[in-house]
Protein backbone atom coordinates (compact mmCIF):
# COMPACT_ATOMS: atom_id res chain seq x y z
CA MET A 1 95.75 83.56 65.14
CA GLU A 2 98.96 83.72 67.13
CA GLU A 3 102.07 85.62 66.17
CA LYS A 4 105.15 83.56 65.30
CA LYS A 5 108.56 84.06 63.79
CA THR A 6 109.25 83.24 60.17
CA PHE A 7 112.32 82.37 58.12
CA HIS A 8 114.63 85.34 57.56
CA VAL A 9 118.39 85.68 57.24
CA ASN A 10 120.77 88.62 57.30
CA GLY A 11 120.33 90.51 54.06
CA TYR A 12 123.97 91.58 53.68
CA VAL A 13 125.28 88.02 54.00
CA ALA A 14 122.54 86.82 51.67
CA LEU A 15 123.50 89.47 49.09
CA VAL A 16 127.10 88.26 49.05
CA VAL A 17 125.96 84.66 48.60
CA LEU A 18 123.51 85.63 45.84
CA VAL A 19 126.16 87.62 43.97
CA ILE A 20 128.43 84.55 44.08
CA LEU A 21 125.58 82.35 42.82
CA ILE A 22 124.86 84.80 40.01
CA GLY A 23 128.55 84.72 39.04
CA ILE A 24 128.62 80.93 39.08
CA GLY A 25 125.40 80.80 37.09
CA GLY A 26 126.78 83.19 34.50
CA TYR A 27 129.95 81.11 34.21
CA CYS A 28 127.90 77.93 33.73
CA LEU A 29 125.69 79.59 31.12
CA TYR A 30 128.67 80.90 29.20
CA PHE A 31 130.53 77.59 29.08
CA GLY A 32 127.30 75.69 28.48
CA VAL A 33 126.59 77.75 25.39
CA THR A 34 130.24 77.77 24.25
CA ASN A 35 130.77 74.04 24.71
CA GLU A 36 127.19 73.16 23.81
CA SER A 37 126.76 71.53 27.24
CA PHE A 38 123.10 71.29 28.12
CA GLY A 39 123.91 70.31 31.72
CA LEU A 40 126.01 73.39 32.44
CA PHE A 41 123.46 75.60 30.75
CA THR A 42 120.67 74.13 32.90
CA ILE A 43 122.68 74.59 36.12
CA GLY A 44 123.46 78.19 35.27
CA LEU A 45 119.83 78.92 34.44
CA VAL A 46 118.61 77.34 37.71
CA LEU A 47 121.14 79.35 39.73
CA TRP A 48 120.00 82.56 38.09
CA VAL A 49 116.32 81.80 38.72
CA ILE A 50 117.01 80.97 42.38
CA SER A 51 119.10 84.13 42.81
CA ALA A 52 116.38 86.26 41.20
CA LEU A 53 113.72 84.77 43.49
CA PHE A 54 115.68 85.45 46.65
CA LEU A 55 116.67 88.92 45.47
CA SER A 56 112.96 89.70 45.12
CA SER A 57 112.45 88.63 48.76
CA LEU A 58 114.80 91.29 50.14
CA THR A 59 112.97 93.38 52.73
CA ILE A 60 113.85 96.25 55.05
CA VAL A 61 112.35 96.43 58.55
CA SER A 62 112.59 99.81 60.28
CA PRO A 63 112.75 100.35 64.07
CA ASN A 64 109.39 99.84 65.84
CA GLN A 65 108.01 98.24 62.72
CA ALA A 66 107.15 94.64 61.86
CA LYS A 67 106.37 92.82 58.65
CA ALA A 68 103.87 89.98 58.46
CA ILE A 69 104.78 87.45 55.77
CA LEU A 70 102.04 85.77 53.72
CA PHE A 71 102.71 82.99 51.21
CA PHE A 72 99.77 82.77 48.80
CA GLY A 73 97.34 83.70 51.58
CA GLN A 74 98.97 81.56 54.29
CA TYR A 75 100.44 83.35 57.29
CA LEU A 76 104.07 82.24 57.70
CA GLY A 77 105.12 84.54 60.54
CA THR A 78 106.32 88.02 61.43
CA ILE A 79 109.72 89.71 61.24
CA LYS A 80 110.26 92.13 64.14
CA ASP A 81 114.05 92.46 63.91
CA ASN A 82 115.37 95.66 62.38
CA GLY A 83 117.56 95.72 59.29
CA LEU A 84 117.88 94.14 55.84
CA PHE A 85 116.68 90.55 55.51
CA VAL A 86 116.01 87.86 52.94
CA THR A 87 112.89 85.83 53.58
CA THR A 88 110.75 83.29 51.74
CA PRO A 89 110.38 84.21 48.03
CA LEU A 90 107.03 84.97 46.40
CA THR A 91 105.52 86.25 49.62
CA GLN A 92 103.39 89.27 50.48
CA LYS A 93 104.85 91.56 53.14
CA ILE A 94 102.44 93.64 55.26
CA ASN A 95 103.79 96.52 57.33
CA VAL A 96 102.55 96.84 60.92
CA SER A 97 103.58 99.73 63.17
CA LEU A 98 104.69 98.81 66.70
CA LYS A 99 105.01 102.41 67.82
CA VAL A 100 103.12 103.80 70.80
CA ARG A 101 100.13 105.72 69.49
CA ASN A 102 97.25 107.61 71.02
CA PHE A 103 93.61 107.89 70.11
CA ASN A 104 91.53 110.91 71.06
CA SER A 105 87.89 109.89 71.28
CA SER A 106 85.15 112.12 70.00
CA LEU A 107 83.02 114.11 72.44
CA LEU A 108 80.36 111.72 73.74
CA LYS A 109 77.09 112.58 75.48
CA VAL A 110 76.06 109.94 78.02
CA ASN A 111 74.00 109.71 81.20
CA ASP A 112 75.83 109.22 84.49
CA SER A 113 74.59 106.87 87.21
CA ASP A 114 72.18 109.57 88.42
CA GLY A 115 70.70 109.97 84.95
CA ASN A 116 72.26 113.37 84.31
CA PRO A 117 73.55 113.93 80.75
CA VAL A 118 77.27 114.65 80.69
CA GLU A 119 79.82 115.28 77.95
CA ILE A 120 82.92 113.11 78.16
CA SER A 121 85.95 112.18 76.06
CA ALA A 122 89.24 110.41 76.72
CA VAL A 123 92.71 109.81 75.33
CA VAL A 124 93.78 106.19 74.88
CA VAL A 125 97.49 105.35 74.59
CA PHE A 126 98.15 101.95 73.00
CA LYS A 127 100.49 99.86 70.88
CA VAL A 128 100.26 96.66 68.84
CA VAL A 129 101.93 93.68 70.53
CA ASP A 130 100.56 90.82 68.39
CA THR A 131 100.64 91.51 64.66
CA ALA A 132 98.78 88.32 63.72
CA LYS A 133 95.75 89.20 65.85
CA ALA A 134 95.80 92.83 64.72
CA LEU A 135 95.80 91.89 61.03
CA PHE A 136 93.74 88.72 60.86
CA ASP A 137 91.46 88.47 63.94
CA VAL A 138 89.70 91.82 63.43
CA ASP A 139 88.78 93.89 60.40
CA ARG A 140 90.82 97.13 60.33
CA TYR A 141 92.16 97.14 63.88
CA GLN A 142 92.41 100.96 63.94
CA ASP A 143 88.63 101.26 63.48
CA PHE A 144 88.12 98.43 65.98
CA ILE A 145 90.15 100.33 68.59
CA GLU A 146 88.16 103.52 67.98
CA ILE A 147 84.74 101.87 68.32
CA GLN A 148 85.67 99.78 71.36
CA SER A 149 87.25 102.77 73.09
CA GLU A 150 84.10 104.84 72.76
CA THR A 151 82.01 101.88 73.93
CA ALA A 152 84.17 101.48 77.05
CA ILE A 153 84.01 105.21 77.79
CA ARG A 154 80.21 105.15 77.56
CA HIS A 155 79.97 102.11 79.83
CA ILE A 156 82.28 103.52 82.50
CA ALA A 157 80.52 106.90 82.49
CA THR A 158 77.22 105.24 83.33
CA GLN A 159 78.71 103.50 86.39
CA TYR A 160 79.52 106.64 88.40
CA PRO A 161 77.80 109.94 89.24
CA TYR A 162 79.28 113.14 87.89
CA ASP A 163 79.68 114.58 91.38
CA THR A 164 78.47 114.17 94.98
CA PHE A 165 79.29 115.83 98.28
CA ASN A 166 80.06 112.55 100.01
CA ASP A 167 83.80 111.99 100.21
CA ASP A 168 83.32 108.21 100.25
CA ASP A 169 81.62 108.09 96.84
CA LEU A 170 83.54 107.56 93.62
CA THR A 171 82.67 110.24 91.09
CA LEU A 172 83.71 111.08 87.56
CA ARG A 173 84.91 114.55 88.55
CA GLY A 174 86.53 113.79 91.88
CA ASN A 175 88.15 110.42 91.15
CA THR A 176 89.54 110.76 87.65
CA THR A 177 92.52 108.51 88.42
CA GLU A 178 90.38 105.61 89.65
CA VAL A 179 87.92 106.06 86.78
CA SER A 180 90.76 106.13 84.23
CA GLU A 181 92.27 102.95 85.68
CA GLU A 182 88.92 101.19 85.54
CA MET A 183 88.49 102.37 81.95
CA ALA A 184 91.95 101.09 80.98
CA LYS A 185 91.18 97.69 82.51
CA GLU A 186 87.90 97.33 80.66
CA LEU A 187 89.41 98.57 77.41
CA GLN A 188 92.27 96.08 77.68
CA ASP A 189 89.75 93.25 77.98
CA ARG A 190 88.00 94.48 74.85
CA LEU A 191 91.17 95.02 72.77
CA SER A 192 93.05 91.83 73.67
CA VAL A 193 91.40 90.09 70.72
CA ALA A 194 93.08 92.64 68.41
CA GLY A 195 96.57 92.09 69.86
CA VAL A 196 96.66 95.61 71.33
CA GLU A 197 98.12 96.63 74.70
CA VAL A 198 96.48 99.60 76.41
CA ILE A 199 99.21 101.64 78.11
CA GLU A 200 97.11 104.43 79.59
CA THR A 201 93.72 106.12 79.40
CA ARG A 202 92.93 109.62 80.63
CA LEU A 203 89.79 111.74 80.63
CA ASN A 204 90.46 114.95 78.73
CA HIS A 205 86.96 116.46 78.82
CA LEU A 206 84.21 116.16 81.40
CA ALA A 207 81.26 118.51 81.84
CA TYR A 208 77.52 118.57 82.22
CA ALA A 209 75.61 118.75 78.95
CA THR A 210 74.79 122.31 77.90
CA GLU A 211 71.03 121.88 78.35
CA ILE A 212 71.37 121.21 82.10
CA ALA A 213 74.67 122.92 82.88
CA SER A 214 73.02 126.02 84.41
CA ALA A 215 70.55 124.02 86.50
CA MET A 216 73.23 121.62 87.73
CA LEU A 217 75.46 124.55 88.67
CA GLN A 218 72.68 125.94 90.87
CA ARG A 219 72.19 122.47 92.33
CA GLN A 220 75.90 122.18 93.11
CA GLN A 221 75.88 125.60 94.74
CA ALA A 222 72.84 124.68 96.86
CA LYS A 223 74.45 121.41 97.95
CA ALA A 224 77.67 123.23 98.77
CA ILE A 225 75.80 125.79 100.88
CA LEU A 226 73.89 123.06 102.75
CA SER A 227 77.08 121.13 103.35
CA ALA A 228 78.85 124.25 104.64
CA ARG A 229 75.88 125.13 106.85
CA GLN A 230 75.90 121.67 108.35
CA ILE A 231 79.55 122.04 109.32
CA ILE A 232 78.90 125.52 110.76
CA VAL A 233 75.96 124.31 112.87
CA GLU A 234 77.91 121.36 114.22
CA GLY A 235 80.77 123.67 115.15
CA ALA A 236 78.44 126.23 116.69
CA VAL A 237 76.75 123.64 118.91
CA SER A 238 80.12 122.32 120.05
CA MET A 239 81.43 125.84 120.79
CA THR A 240 78.26 126.80 122.68
CA GLN A 241 78.40 123.69 124.82
CA MET A 242 82.06 124.29 125.57
CA ALA A 243 81.38 127.96 126.47
CA LEU A 244 78.65 127.03 128.97
CA GLU A 245 80.81 124.37 130.56
CA GLN A 246 83.73 126.79 130.97
CA ILE A 247 81.50 129.52 132.47
CA GLU A 248 79.92 127.20 135.03
CA ASP A 249 83.03 125.16 135.78
CA GLY A 250 84.67 126.26 139.03
CA GLN A 251 82.54 129.40 139.40
CA GLU A 252 79.54 130.22 141.56
CA ILE A 253 77.29 130.90 138.64
CA ASN A 254 74.19 128.84 138.10
CA PHE A 255 71.98 129.92 135.25
CA THR A 256 68.28 129.31 135.27
CA ASP A 257 66.88 127.29 132.41
CA ASP A 258 65.48 130.43 130.82
CA ARG A 259 68.82 132.20 131.03
CA LYS A 260 70.58 129.15 129.59
CA VAL A 261 68.18 129.09 126.66
CA GLN A 262 68.72 132.81 126.10
CA LEU A 263 72.51 132.45 126.28
CA ILE A 264 72.52 129.45 123.94
CA ASN A 265 70.30 131.33 121.49
CA ASN A 266 72.58 134.38 121.50
CA LEU A 267 75.72 132.29 121.02
CA LEU A 268 74.24 130.24 118.20
CA VAL A 269 72.96 133.32 116.40
CA SER A 270 76.34 135.05 116.76
CA ILE A 271 78.28 132.07 115.43
CA ILE A 272 75.95 130.87 112.69
CA THR A 273 74.90 134.19 111.14
CA ASP A 274 76.84 135.27 108.07
CA LYS A 275 76.45 138.96 109.01
CA GLY A 276 78.10 140.87 111.82
CA THR A 277 76.16 140.96 115.10
CA GLN A 278 75.70 144.10 117.21
CA PRO A 279 76.59 143.69 120.89
CA VAL A 280 73.89 144.57 123.44
CA ILE A 281 74.82 145.37 127.04
CA ASN A 282 72.35 144.11 129.60
CA THR A 283 72.05 146.66 132.49
CA GLY A 284 69.34 144.83 134.31
CA GLU A 285 69.59 142.23 137.05
CA VAL A 286 70.88 138.73 136.39
CA HIS A 287 68.64 136.26 138.15
CA GLU A 288 70.45 133.38 139.72
CA ARG A 289 69.14 130.27 141.30
């Protein structure tokens, strides 16, 4: 099904014309009965029947609303203009909202790409752009949108991990914008058959499932500590190397290998430890080579 326009004329102009036809029909009926003229009586009766049929086809279309017109089960077209109109008589008029609406998905429990159960939900902002597809290509397009939205959310959630400590990885928690855009793209592909345009999707809830939340928190803390330690060690090694180079550069100091090892050990311990170190003054001899 494809949306198309149908016959409709300005209702105010049509009302004036119909009132004139009713007046002419009444005149013909009156003089047909008075003068016993079957022809005038027939004309007046036909004009009244036609006027009554078109009066019954008067319809009002509100802003951001459309009306699909069906003639004995056949789709004639859609009226999207706002105002009072006269359309084809003896037709069924189905209201379709064109307003921007949002759908808040239920809380879903899915497994991320690492197999960890997570709780996720999203808000989908959409509007109907093709009334024919929304009404006739799917059964109850509101339910169709709800089911397809939850299916897309589940599929996207399984494509990414909840979180990692690698900045180059896409994650559900750290890249919500990219994940939402990917979700909107997939959802648009699914809802095109229903004549729906997806305006935006956003995650509004994301968390580990309650049964593993405590364990995953400890795991996150351990990973964070390891990551921080790695940065500290790399910095400590760089600072120690720089300190040795500055001490030996341009000075008549040459440490033995043992003294270098001792100095490196002291510097690394002082930098890496998370507790304050106590200074020790060496009063003995410094052996030089």
